[in-house]
PDB file of N, CA and C in Angstrom:
ATOM      1  N   UNK A   1      98.440 134.304 124.480  1.00  0.00           N
ATOM      2  CA  UNK A   1      97.816 133.274 125.257  1.00  0.00           C
ATOM      3  C   UNK A   1      98.884 132.261 125.672  1.00  0.00           C
ATOM      4  N   UNK A   2      99.019 131.940 126.972  1.00  0.00           N
ATOM      5  CA  UNK A   2     100.040 130.994 127.412  1.00  0.00           C
ATOM      6  C   UNK A   2      99.699 129.582 126.951  1.00  0.00           C
ATOM      7  N   UNK A   3     100.751 128.826 126.700  1.00  0.00           N
ATOM      8  CA  UNK A   3     100.531 127.447 126.271  1.00  0.00           C
ATOM      9  C   UNK A   3     100.324 126.559 127.490  1.00  0.00           C
ATOM     10  N   UNK A   4      99.539 125.560 127.309  1.00  0.00           N
ATOM     11  CA  UNK A   4      99.279 124.602 128.374  1.00  0.00           C
ATOM     12  C   UNK A   4     100.495 123.698 128.544  1.00  0.00           C
ATOM     13  N   UNK A   5     100.838 123.292 129.781  1.00  0.00           N
ATOM     14  CA  UNK A   5     101.975 122.397 129.971  1.00  0.00           C
ATOM     15  C   UNK A   5     101.781 121.045 129.300  1.00  0.00           C
ATOM     16  N   UNK A   6     100.529 120.700 128.980  1.00  0.00           N
ATOM     17  CA  UNK A   6     100.287 119.413 128.332  1.00  0.00           C
ATOM     18  C   UNK A   6     100.721 119.399 126.876  1.00  0.00           C
ATOM     19  N   UNK A   7     100.810 120.558 126.244  1.00  0.00           N
ATOM     20  CA  UNK A   7     101.137 120.581 124.822  1.00  0.00           C
ATOM     21  C   UNK A   7     102.542 121.101 124.548  1.00  0.00           C
ATOM     22  N   UNK A   8     103.244 121.562 125.566  1.00  0.00           N
ATOM     23  CA  UNK A   8     104.606 122.037 125.353  1.00  0.00           C
ATOM     24  C   UNK A   8     105.522 120.867 125.041  1.00  0.00           C
ATOM     25  N   UNK A   9     106.451 121.083 124.133  1.00  0.00           N
ATOM     26  CA  UNK A   9     107.350 120.010 123.723  1.00  0.00           C
ATOM     27  C   UNK A   9     108.274 119.581 124.855  1.00  0.00           C
ATOM     28  N   UNK A  10     108.564 120.465 125.798  1.00  0.00           N
ATOM     29  CA  UNK A  10     109.467 120.115 126.890  1.00  0.00           C
ATOM     30  C   UNK A  10     108.724 119.732 128.172  1.00  0.00           C
ATOM     31  N   UNK A  11     107.456 119.426 128.055  1.00  0.00           N
ATOM     32  CA  UNK A  11     106.635 119.075 129.207  1.00  0.00           C
ATOM     33  C   UNK A  11     107.047 117.706 129.759  1.00  0.00           C
ATOM     34  N   UNK A  12     107.302 117.609 131.067  1.00  0.00           N
ATOM     35  CA  UNK A  12     107.618 116.302 131.656  1.00  0.00           C
ATOM     36  C   UNK A  12     106.473 115.308 131.496  1.00  0.00           C
ATOM     37  N   UNK A  13     105.255 115.806 131.531  1.00  0.00           N
ATOM     38  CA  UNK A  13     104.105 114.920 131.362  1.00  0.00           C
ATOM     39  C   UNK A  13     104.089 114.315 129.961  1.00  0.00           C
ATOM     40  N   UNK A  14     104.400 115.125 128.965  1.00  0.00           N
ATOM     41  CA  UNK A  14     104.440 114.621 127.594  1.00  0.00           C
ATOM     42  C   UNK A  14     105.538 113.569 127.443  1.00  0.00           C
ATOM     43  N   UNK A  15     106.689 113.822 128.050  1.00  0.00           N
ATOM     44  CA  UNK A  15     107.769 112.839 128.021  1.00  0.00           C
ATOM     45  C   UNK A  15     107.368 111.542 128.692  1.00  0.00           C
ATOM     46  N   UNK A  16     106.660 111.646 129.804  1.00  0.00           N
ATOM     47  CA  UNK A  16     106.189 110.451 130.504  1.00  0.00           C
ATOM     48  C   UNK A  16     105.187 109.671 129.659  1.00  0.00           C
ATOM     49  N   UNK A  17     104.325 110.389 128.964  1.00  0.00           N
ATOM     50  CA  UNK A  17     103.355 109.722 128.091  1.00  0.00           C
ATOM     51  C   UNK A  17     104.052 109.002 126.940  1.00  0.00           C
ATOM     52  N   UNK A  18     105.056 109.645 126.354  1.00  0.00           N
ATOM     53  CA  UNK A  18     105.815 108.997 125.284  1.00  0.00           C
ATOM     54  C   UNK A  18     106.541 107.755 125.799  1.00  0.00           C
ATOM     55  N   UNK A  19     107.126 107.850 126.987  1.00  0.00           N
ATOM     56  CA  UNK A  19     107.832 106.702 127.559  1.00  0.00           C
ATOM     57  C   UNK A  19     106.859 105.560 127.842  1.00  0.00           C
ATOM     58  N   UNK A  20     105.684 105.877 128.345  1.00  0.00           N
ATOM     59  CA  UNK A  20     104.675 104.855 128.610  1.00  0.00           C
ATOM     60  C   UNK A  20     104.211 104.199 127.314  1.00  0.00           C
ATOM     61  N   UNK A  21     104.003 105.002 126.286  1.00  0.00           N
ATOM     62  CA  UNK A  21     103.597 104.452 124.984  1.00  0.00           C
ATOM     63  C   UNK A  21     104.693 103.560 124.409  1.00  0.00           C
ATOM     64  N   UNK A  22     105.941 103.978 124.546  1.00  0.00           N
ATOM     65  CA  UNK A  22     107.053 103.167 124.038  1.00  0.00           C
ATOM     66  C   UNK A  22     107.134 101.837 124.776  1.00  0.00           C
ATOM     67  N   UNK A  23     106.971 101.860 126.082  1.00  0.00           N
ATOM     68  CA  UNK A  23     107.030 100.623 126.851  1.00  0.00           C
ATOM     69  C   UNK A  23     105.857  99.706 126.494  1.00  0.00           C
ATOM     70  N   UNK A  24     104.691 100.277 126.225  1.00  0.00           N
ATOM     71  CA  UNK A  24     103.550  99.469 125.792  1.00  0.00           C
ATOM     72  C   UNK A  24     103.848  98.812 124.445  1.00  0.00           C
ATOM     73  N   UNK A  25     104.498  99.542 123.562  1.00  0.00           N
ATOM     74  CA  UNK A  25     104.878  98.969 122.262  1.00  0.00           C
ATOM     75  C   UNK A  25     105.860  97.817 122.440  1.00  0.00           C
ATOM     76  N   UNK A  26     106.800  97.956 123.376  1.00  0.00           N
ATOM     77  CA  UNK A  26     107.737  96.859 123.649  1.00  0.00           C
ATOM     78  C   UNK A  26     106.997  95.618 124.140  1.00  0.00           C
ATOM     79  N   UNK A  27     106.035  95.808 125.020  1.00  0.00           N
ATOM     80  CA  UNK A  27     105.280  94.673 125.553  1.00  0.00           C
ATOM     81  C   UNK A  27     104.500  93.984 124.436  1.00  0.00           C
ATOM     82  N   UNK A  28     103.843  94.761 123.592  1.00  0.00           N
ATOM     83  CA  UNK A  28     103.093  94.187 122.469  1.00  0.00           C
ATOM     84  C   UNK A  28     104.044  93.446 121.527  1.00  0.00           C
ATOM     85  N   UNK A  29     105.175  94.060 121.216  1.00  0.00           N
ATOM     86  CA  UNK A  29     106.155  93.441 120.329  1.00  0.00           C
ATOM     87  C   UNK A  29     106.657  92.118 120.911  1.00  0.00           C
ATOM     88  N   UNK A  30     107.032  92.122 122.183  1.00  0.00           N
ATOM     89  CA  UNK A  30     107.542  90.897 122.798  1.00  0.00           C
ATOM     90  C   UNK A  30     106.473  89.817 122.869  1.00  0.00           C
ATOM     91  N   UNK A  31     105.244  90.208 123.117  1.00  0.00           N
ATOM     92  CA  UNK A  31     104.154  89.238 123.157  1.00  0.00           C
ATOM     93  C   UNK A  31     103.946  88.600 121.787  1.00  0.00           C
ATOM     94  N   UNK A  32     103.942  89.414 120.744  1.00  0.00           N
ATOM     95  CA  UNK A  32     103.784  88.869 119.389  1.00  0.00           C
ATOM     96  C   UNK A  32     104.950  87.958 119.026  1.00  0.00           C
ATOM     97  N   UNK A  33     106.153  88.344 119.404  1.00  0.00           N
ATOM     98  CA  UNK A  33     107.321  87.514 119.087  1.00  0.00           C
ATOM     99  C   UNK A  33     107.258  86.199 119.848  1.00  0.00           C
ATOM    100  N   UNK A  34     106.818  86.257 121.088  1.00  0.00           N
ATOM    101  CA  UNK A  34     106.687  85.020 121.870  1.00  0.00           C
ATOM    102  C   UNK A  34     105.630  84.103 121.253  1.00  0.00           C
ATOM    103  N   UNK A  35     104.558  84.691 120.725  1.00  0.00           N
ATOM    104  CA  UNK A  35     103.505  83.885 120.104  1.00  0.00           C
ATOM    105  C   UNK A  35     103.983  83.182 118.836  1.00  0.00           C
ATOM    106  N   UNK A  36     104.773  83.846 118.013  1.00  0.00           N
ATOM    107  CA  UNK A  36     105.221  83.240 116.757  1.00  0.00           C
ATOM    108  C   UNK A  36     106.554  82.518 116.906  1.00  0.00           C
ATOM    109  N   UNK A  37     107.163  82.594 118.082  1.00  0.00           N
ATOM    110  CA  UNK A  37     108.493  82.026 118.290  1.00  0.00           C
ATOM    111  C   UNK A  37     108.593  80.536 118.062  1.00  0.00           C
ATOM    112  N   UNK A  38     107.510  79.809 118.297  1.00  0.00           N
ATOM    113  CA  UNK A  38     107.545  78.360 118.092  1.00  0.00           C
ATOM    114  C   UNK A  38     107.468  77.984 116.620  1.00  0.00           C
ATOM    115  N   UNK A  39     106.910  78.854 115.800  1.00  0.00           N
ATOM    116  CA  UNK A  39     106.680  78.526 114.396  1.00  0.00           C
ATOM    117  C   UNK A  39     107.654  79.196 113.429  1.00  0.00           C
ATOM    118  N   UNK A  40     108.255  80.304 113.839  1.00  0.00           N
ATOM    119  CA  UNK A  40     109.118  81.081 112.944  1.00  0.00           C
ATOM    120  C   UNK A  40     110.539  81.070 113.498  1.00  0.00           C
ATOM    121  N   UNK A  41     111.534  80.772 112.662  1.00  0.00           N
ATOM    122  CA  UNK A  41     112.918  80.762 113.144  1.00  0.00           C
ATOM    123  C   UNK A  41     113.379  82.147 113.609  1.00  0.00           C
ATOM    124  N   UNK A  42     114.324  82.142 114.542  1.00  0.00           N
ATOM    125  CA  UNK A  42     114.829  83.384 115.119  1.00  0.00           C
ATOM    126  C   UNK A  42     115.431  84.302 114.057  1.00  0.00           C
ATOM    127  N   UNK A  43     116.143  83.740 113.100  1.00  0.00           N
ATOM    128  CA  UNK A  43     116.736  84.552 112.034  1.00  0.00           C
ATOM    129  C   UNK A  43     115.688  85.298 111.220  1.00  0.00           C
ATOM    130  N   UNK A  44     114.588  84.643 110.944  1.00  0.00           N
ATOM    131  CA  UNK A  44     113.500  85.285 110.200  1.00  0.00           C
ATOM    132  C   UNK A  44     112.877  86.406 111.020  1.00  0.00           C
ATOM    133  N   UNK A  45     112.695  86.163 112.304  1.00  0.00           N
ATOM    134  CA  UNK A  45     112.140  87.200 113.178  1.00  0.00           C
ATOM    135  C   UNK A  45     113.060  88.415 113.198  1.00  0.00           C
ATOM    136  N   UNK A  46     114.366  88.183 113.328  1.00  0.00           N
ATOM    137  CA  UNK A  46     115.323  89.293 113.329  1.00  0.00           C
ATOM    138  C   UNK A  46     115.304  90.040 112.003  1.00  0.00           C
ATOM    139  N   UNK A  47     115.189  89.318 110.907  1.00  0.00           N
ATOM    140  CA  UNK A  47     115.161  89.948 109.588  1.00  0.00           C
ATOM    141  C   UNK A  47     113.915  90.820 109.419  1.00  0.00           C
ATOM    142  N   UNK A  48     112.769  90.312 109.826  1.00  0.00           N
ATOM    143  CA  UNK A  48     111.528  91.087 109.701  1.00  0.00           C
ATOM    144  C   UNK A  48     111.560  92.305 110.621  1.00  0.00           C
ATOM    145  N   UNK A  49     111.991  92.106 111.870  1.00  0.00           N
ATOM    146  CA  UNK A  49     112.105  93.240 112.807  1.00  0.00           C
ATOM    147  C   UNK A  49     113.059  94.294 112.267  1.00  0.00           C
ATOM    148  N   UNK A  50     114.203  93.843 111.766  1.00  0.00           N
ATOM    149  CA  UNK A  50     115.184  94.774 111.217  1.00  0.00           C
ATOM    150  C   UNK A  50     114.654  95.516 110.009  1.00  0.00           C
ATOM    151  N   UNK A  51     113.916  94.814 109.157  1.00  0.00           N
ATOM    152  CA  UNK A  51     113.330  95.465 107.984  1.00  0.00           C
ATOM    153  C   UNK A  51     112.350  96.561 108.365  1.00  0.00           C
ATOM    154  N   UNK A  52     111.476  96.249 109.325  1.00  0.00           N
ATOM    155  CA  UNK A  52     110.533  97.274 109.788  1.00  0.00           C
ATOM    156  C   UNK A  52     111.268  98.446 110.435  1.00  0.00           C
ATOM    157  N   UNK A  53     112.303  98.148 111.204  1.00  0.00           N
ATOM    158  CA  UNK A  53     113.062  99.218 111.867  1.00  0.00           C
ATOM    159  C   UNK A  53     113.752 100.114 110.849  1.00  0.00           C
ATOM    160  N   UNK A  54     114.325  99.519 109.813  1.00  0.00           N
ATOM    161  CA  UNK A  54     114.997 100.307 108.777  1.00  0.00           C
ATOM    162  C   UNK A  54     114.006 101.229 108.080  1.00  0.00           C
ATOM    163  N   UNK A  55     112.855 100.690 107.706  1.00  0.00           N
ATOM    164  CA  UNK A  55     111.845 101.509 107.027  1.00  0.00           C
ATOM    165  C   UNK A  55     111.372 102.643 107.934  1.00  0.00           C
ATOM    166  N   UNK A  56     111.100 102.334 109.192  1.00  0.00           N
ATOM    167  CA  UNK A  56     110.616 103.349 110.127  1.00  0.00           C
ATOM    168  C   UNK A  56     111.668 104.427 110.380  1.00  0.00           C
ATOM    169  N   UNK A  57     112.890 104.022 110.662  1.00  0.00           N
ATOM    170  CA  UNK A  57     113.943 105.003 110.958  1.00  0.00           C
ATOM    171  C   UNK A  57     114.300 105.804 109.715  1.00  0.00           C
ATOM    172  N   UNK A  58     114.322 105.161 108.563  1.00  0.00           N
ATOM    173  CA  UNK A  58     114.599 105.898 107.327  1.00  0.00           C
ATOM    174  C   UNK A  58     113.507 106.932 107.070  1.00  0.00           C
ATOM    175  N   UNK A  59     112.255 106.537 107.269  1.00  0.00           N
ATOM    176  CA  UNK A  59     111.148 107.480 107.086  1.00  0.00           C
ATOM    177  C   UNK A  59     111.237 108.658 108.039  1.00  0.00           C
ATOM    178  N   UNK A  60     111.566 108.387 109.300  1.00  0.00           N
ATOM    179  CA  UNK A  60     111.730 109.475 110.263  1.00  0.00           C
ATOM    180  C   UNK A  60     112.920 110.361 109.897  1.00  0.00           C
ATOM    181  N   UNK A  61     113.979 109.749 109.387  1.00  0.00           N
ATOM    182  CA  UNK A  61     115.148 110.528 108.973  1.00  0.00           C
ATOM    183  C   UNK A  61     114.856 111.429 107.792  1.00  0.00           C
ATOM    184  N   UNK A  62     114.100 110.921 106.837  1.00  0.00           N
ATOM    185  CA  UNK A  62     113.714 111.744 105.686  1.00  0.00           C
ATOM    186  C   UNK A  62     112.784 112.864 106.139  1.00  0.00           C
ATOM    187  N   UNK A  63     111.836 112.535 107.004  1.00  0.00           N
ATOM    188  CA  UNK A  63     110.904 113.558 107.495  1.00  0.00           C
ATOM    189  C   UNK A  63     111.626 114.628 108.304  1.00  0.00           C
ATOM    190  N   UNK A  64     112.667 114.233 109.032  1.00  0.00           N
ATOM    191  CA  UNK A  64     113.425 115.189 109.831  1.00  0.00           C
ATOM    192  C   UNK A  64     114.554 115.851 109.073  1.00  0.00           C
ATOM    193  N   UNK A  65     114.689 115.534 107.797  1.00  0.00           N
ATOM    194  CA  UNK A  65     115.698 116.130 106.918  1.00  0.00           C
ATOM    195  C   UNK A  65     117.126 115.891 107.414  1.00  0.00           C
ATOM    196  N   UNK A  66     117.400 114.692 107.910  1.00  0.00           N
ATOM    197  CA  UNK A  66     118.756 114.376 108.351  1.00  0.00           C
ATOM    198  C   UNK A  66     119.437 113.334 107.462  1.00  0.00           C
ATOM    199  N   UNK A  67     118.721 112.820 106.479  1.00  0.00           N
ATOM    200  CA  UNK A  67     119.296 111.770 105.641  1.00  0.00           C
ATOM    201  C   UNK A  67     120.284 112.297 104.609  1.00  0.00           C
ATOM    202  N   UNK A  68     120.369 113.595 104.450  1.00  0.00           N
ATOM    203  CA  UNK A  68     121.331 114.136 103.496  1.00  0.00           C
ATOM    204  C   UNK A  68     122.762 113.960 103.999  1.00  0.00           C
ATOM    205  N   UNK A  69     122.935 113.714 105.283  1.00  0.00           N
ATOM    206  CA  UNK A  69     124.262 113.529 105.867  1.00  0.00           C
ATOM    207  C   UNK A  69     124.461 112.090 106.342  1.00  0.00           C
ATOM    208  N   UNK A  70     123.901 111.128 105.654  1.00  0.00           N
ATOM    209  CA  UNK A  70     123.938 109.753 106.126  1.00  0.00           C
ATOM    210  C   UNK A  70     125.350 109.186 106.165  1.00  0.00           C
ATOM    211  N   UNK A  71     126.229 109.642 105.299  1.00  0.00           N
ATOM    212  CA  UNK A  71     127.600 109.116 105.322  1.00  0.00           C
ATOM    213  C   UNK A  71     128.345 109.531 106.586  1.00  0.00           C
ATOM    214  N   UNK A  72     128.012 110.689 107.112  1.00  0.00           N
ATOM    215  CA  UNK A  72     128.653 111.152 108.345  1.00  0.00           C
ATOM    216  C   UNK A  72     128.243 110.296 109.541  1.00  0.00           C
ATOM    217  N   UNK A  73     127.135 109.584 109.415  1.00  0.00           N
ATOM    218  CA  UNK A  73     126.668 108.730 110.509  1.00  0.00           C
ATOM    219  C   UNK A  73     127.374 107.380 110.531  1.00  0.00           C
ATOM    220  N   UNK A  74     128.052 107.024 109.457  1.00  0.00           N
ATOM    221  CA  UNK A  74     128.702 105.716 109.380  1.00  0.00           C
ATOM    222  C   UNK A  74     130.100 105.772 109.989  1.00  0.00           C
ATOM    223  N   UNK A  75     130.164 106.062 111.261  1.00  0.00           N
ATOM    224  CA  UNK A  75     131.439 106.094 111.965  1.00  0.00           C
ATOM    225  C   UNK A  75     131.645 104.769 112.683  1.00  0.00           C
ATOM    226  N   UNK A  76     132.870 104.525 113.081  1.00  0.00           N
ATOM    227  CA  UNK A  76     133.180 103.274 113.759  1.00  0.00           C
ATOM    228  C   UNK A  76     132.366 103.084 115.044  1.00  0.00           C
ATOM    229  N   UNK A  77     132.232 104.113 115.906  1.00  0.00           N
ATOM    230  CA  UNK A  77     131.413 103.913 117.112  1.00  0.00           C
ATOM    231  C   UNK A  77     129.947 103.583 116.805  1.00  0.00           C
ATOM    232  N   UNK A  78     129.394 104.206 115.774  1.00  0.00           N
ATOM    233  CA  UNK A  78     127.995 103.929 115.426  1.00  0.00           C
ATOM    234  C   UNK A  78     127.851 102.500 114.911  1.00  0.00           C
ATOM    235  N   UNK A  79     128.757 102.067 114.072  1.00  0.00           N
ATOM    236  CA  UNK A  79     128.701 100.703 113.551  1.00  0.00           C
ATOM    237  C   UNK A  79     128.944  99.679 114.655  1.00  0.00           C
ATOM    238  N   UNK A  80     129.830 100.011 115.591  1.00  0.00           N
ATOM    239  CA  UNK A  80     130.083  99.119 116.722  1.00  0.00           C
ATOM    240  C   UNK A  80     128.837  99.001 117.600  1.00  0.00           C
ATOM    241  N   UNK A  81     128.190 100.128 117.844  1.00  0.00           N
ATOM    242  CA  UNK A  81     126.963 100.096 118.646  1.00  0.00           C
ATOM    243  C   UNK A  81     125.874  99.295 117.937  1.00  0.00           C
ATOM    244  N   UNK A  82     125.742  99.462 116.633  1.00  0.00           N
ATOM    245  CA  UNK A  82     124.744  98.708 115.876  1.00  0.00           C
ATOM    246  C   UNK A  82     125.029  97.211 115.958  1.00  0.00           C
ATOM    247  N   UNK A  83     126.296  96.845 115.904  1.00  0.00           N
ATOM    248  CA  UNK A  83     126.667  95.431 116.018  1.00  0.00           C
ATOM    249  C   UNK A  83     126.294  94.876 117.385  1.00  0.00           C
ATOM    250  N   UNK A  84     126.616  95.627 118.437  1.00  0.00           N
ATOM    251  CA  UNK A  84     126.266  95.178 119.782  1.00  0.00           C
ATOM    252  C   UNK A  84     124.753  95.147 119.986  1.00  0.00           C
ATOM    253  N   UNK A  85     124.050  96.064 119.359  1.00  0.00           N
ATOM    254  CA  UNK A  85     122.588  96.070 119.453  1.00  0.00           C
ATOM    255  C   UNK A  85     122.006  94.823 118.795  1.00  0.00           C
ATOM    256  N   UNK A  86     122.576  94.422 117.674  1.00  0.00           N
ATOM    257  CA  UNK A  86     122.129  93.206 116.995  1.00  0.00           C
ATOM    258  C   UNK A  86     122.372  91.980 117.866  1.00  0.00           C
ATOM    259  N   UNK A  87     123.544  91.923 118.481  1.00  0.00           N
ATOM    260  CA  UNK A  87     123.864  90.801 119.370  1.00  0.00           C
ATOM    261  C   UNK A  87     122.927  90.788 120.573  1.00  0.00           C
ATOM    262  N   UNK A  88     122.688  91.954 121.155  1.00  0.00           N
ATOM    263  CA  UNK A  88     121.795  92.040 122.317  1.00  0.00           C
ATOM    264  C   UNK A  88     120.376  91.625 121.947  1.00  0.00           C
ATOM    265  N   UNK A  89     119.917  92.016 120.772  1.00  0.00           N
ATOM    266  CA  UNK A  89     118.579  91.630 120.324  1.00  0.00           C
ATOM    267  C   UNK A  89     118.491  90.121 120.148  1.00  0.00           C
ATOM    268  N   UNK A  90     119.511  89.529 119.538  1.00  0.00           N
ATOM    269  CA  UNK A  90     119.552  88.081 119.361  1.00  0.00           C
ATOM    270  C   UNK A  90     119.495  87.376 120.715  1.00  0.00           C
ATOM    271  N   UNK A  91     120.302  87.838 121.658  1.00  0.00           N
ATOM    272  CA  UNK A  91     120.334  87.210 122.979  1.00  0.00           C
ATOM    273  C   UNK A  91     119.020  87.406 123.734  1.00  0.00           C
ATOM    274  N   UNK A  92     118.439  88.602 123.637  1.00  0.00           N
ATOM    275  CA  UNK A  92     117.173  88.843 124.333  1.00  0.00           C
ATOM    276  C   UNK A  92     116.060  87.979 123.760  1.00  0.00           C
ATOM    277  N   UNK A  93     115.990  87.880 122.442  1.00  0.00           N
ATOM    278  CA  UNK A  93     114.928  87.064 121.844  1.00  0.00           C
ATOM    279  C   UNK A  93     115.127  85.590 122.158  1.00  0.00           C
ATOM    280  N   UNK A  94     116.368  85.149 122.200  1.00  0.00           N
ATOM    281  CA  UNK A  94     116.638  83.768 122.599  1.00  0.00           C
ATOM    282  C   UNK A  94     116.165  83.530 124.026  1.00  0.00           C
ATOM    283  N   UNK A  95     116.451  84.480 124.909  1.00  0.00           N
ATOM    284  CA  UNK A  95     115.987  84.363 126.295  1.00  0.00           C
ATOM    285  C   UNK A  95     114.466  84.444 126.370  1.00  0.00           C
ATOM    286  N   UNK A  96     113.874  85.296 125.556  1.00  0.00           N
ATOM    287  CA  UNK A  96     112.417  85.466 125.573  1.00  0.00           C
ATOM    288  C   UNK A  96     111.699  84.162 125.252  1.00  0.00           C
ATOM    289  N   UNK A  97     112.270  83.373 124.364  1.00  0.00           N
ATOM    290  CA  UNK A  97     111.653  82.096 124.014  1.00  0.00           C
ATOM    291  C   UNK A  97     111.701  81.113 125.185  1.00  0.00           C
ATOM    292  N   UNK A  98     112.605  81.348 126.135  1.00  0.00           N
ATOM    293  CA  UNK A  98     112.802  80.405 127.235  1.00  0.00           C
ATOM    294  C   UNK A  98     112.327  80.927 128.591  1.00  0.00           C
ATOM    295  N   UNK A  99     111.653  82.062 128.631  1.00  0.00           N
ATOM    296  CA  UNK A  99     111.144  82.605 129.895  1.00  0.00           C
ATOM    297  C   UNK A  99     109.716  83.079 129.702  1.00  0.00           C
ATOM    298  N   UNK A 100     109.070  83.356 130.812  1.00  0.00           N
ATOM    299  CA  UNK A 100     107.695  83.846 130.716  1.00  0.00           C
ATOM    300  C   UNK A 100     107.699  85.302 130.264  1.00  0.00           C
ATOM    301  N   UNK A 101     106.615  85.705 129.644  1.00  0.00           N
ATOM    302  CA  UNK A 101     106.494  87.080 129.159  1.00  0.00           C
ATOM    303  C   UNK A 101     106.464  88.054 130.333  1.00  0.00           C
ATOM    304  N   UNK A 102     105.975  87.614 131.486  1.00  0.00           N
ATOM    305  CA  UNK A 102     105.926  88.492 132.665  1.00  0.00           C
ATOM    306  C   UNK A 102     107.324  88.865 133.133  1.00  0.00           C
ATOM    307  N   UNK A 103     108.227  87.910 133.155  1.00  0.00           N
ATOM    308  CA  UNK A 103     109.601  88.193 133.581  1.00  0.00           C
ATOM    309  C   UNK A 103     110.293  89.084 132.559  1.00  0.00           C
ATOM    310  N   UNK A 104     110.102  88.795 131.286  1.00  0.00           N
ATOM    311  CA  UNK A 104     110.720  89.627 130.242  1.00  0.00           C
ATOM    312  C   UNK A 104     110.205  91.059 130.311  1.00  0.00           C
ATOM    313  N   UNK A 105     108.914  91.216 130.543  1.00  0.00           N
ATOM    314  CA  UNK A 105     108.336  92.557 130.654  1.00  0.00           C
ATOM    315  C   UNK A 105     108.883  93.280 131.879  1.00  0.00           C
ATOM    316  N   UNK A 106     109.010  92.577 132.986  1.00  0.00           N
ATOM    317  CA  UNK A 106     109.558  93.194 134.198  1.00  0.00           C
ATOM    318  C   UNK A 106     110.993  93.657 133.976  1.00  0.00           C
ATOM    319  N   UNK A 107     111.770  92.869 133.268  1.00  0.00           N
ATOM    320  CA  UNK A 107     113.152  93.263 132.971  1.00  0.00           C
ATOM    321  C   UNK A 107     113.160  94.514 132.099  1.00  0.00           C
ATOM    322  N   UNK A 108     112.323  94.538 131.067  1.00  0.00           N
ATOM    323  CA  UNK A 108     112.298  95.701 130.179  1.00  0.00           C
ATOM    324  C   UNK A 108     111.759  96.952 130.865  1.00  0.00           C
ATOM    325  N   UNK A 109     110.880  96.779 131.841  1.00  0.00           N
ATOM    326  CA  UNK A 109     110.336  97.947 132.542  1.00  0.00           C
ATOM    327  C   UNK A 109     111.395  98.648 133.381  1.00  0.00           C
ATOM    328  N   UNK A 110     112.473  97.959 133.713  1.00  0.00           N
ATOM    329  CA  UNK A 110     113.534  98.588 134.503  1.00  0.00           C
ATOM    330  C   UNK A 110     114.495  99.404 133.649  1.00  0.00           C
ATOM    331  N   UNK A 111     114.458  99.241 132.347  1.00  0.00           N
ATOM    332  CA  UNK A 111     115.398  99.948 131.468  1.00  0.00           C
ATOM    333  C   UNK A 111     115.338 101.464 131.638  1.00  0.00           C
ATOM    334  N   UNK A 112     114.163 102.102 131.651  1.00  0.00           N
ATOM    335  CA  UNK A 112     114.155 103.561 131.835  1.00  0.00           C
ATOM    336  C   UNK A 112     114.721 104.001 133.186  1.00  0.00           C
ATOM    337  N   UNK A 113     114.672 103.136 134.174  1.00  0.00           N
ATOM    338  CA  UNK A 113     115.215 103.482 135.480  1.00  0.00           C
ATOM    339  C   UNK A 113     116.733 103.419 135.500  1.00  0.00           C
ATOM    340  N   UNK A 114     117.296 102.569 134.655  1.00  0.00           N
ATOM    341  CA  UNK A 114     118.741 102.367 134.637  1.00  0.00           C
ATOM    342  C   UNK A 114     119.432 103.303 133.656  1.00  0.00           C
ATOM    343  N   UNK A 115     118.806 103.548 132.537  1.00  0.00           N
ATOM    344  CA  UNK A 115     119.450 104.345 131.486  1.00  0.00           C
ATOM    345  C   UNK A 115     119.319 105.822 131.773  1.00  0.00           C
TER     346      UNK A 115
END
């Protein structure tokens, strides 16, 4: 029995659905951060976001059986990228506190078009 294009792992439609879901998660995340931004310091927000990200990525790594080679992932380019990602997150959240959520969302919606 042939598989439906909707359930194939390489289906463009499935990829589009995942991208749409990811962008919706970004919008929800930015909205929540904007809501608590007046009451919670930026450092605390970064710490909580980072903690959730570590738990989520570690869980996915264990589920995908890639954590047995974690030392091989600690290369200079990976650490450099992580550092720049931290700086970019800090700068984006700082900007988010000073702009409307509509503009921030519009900027983030262009990321899949550029990358």
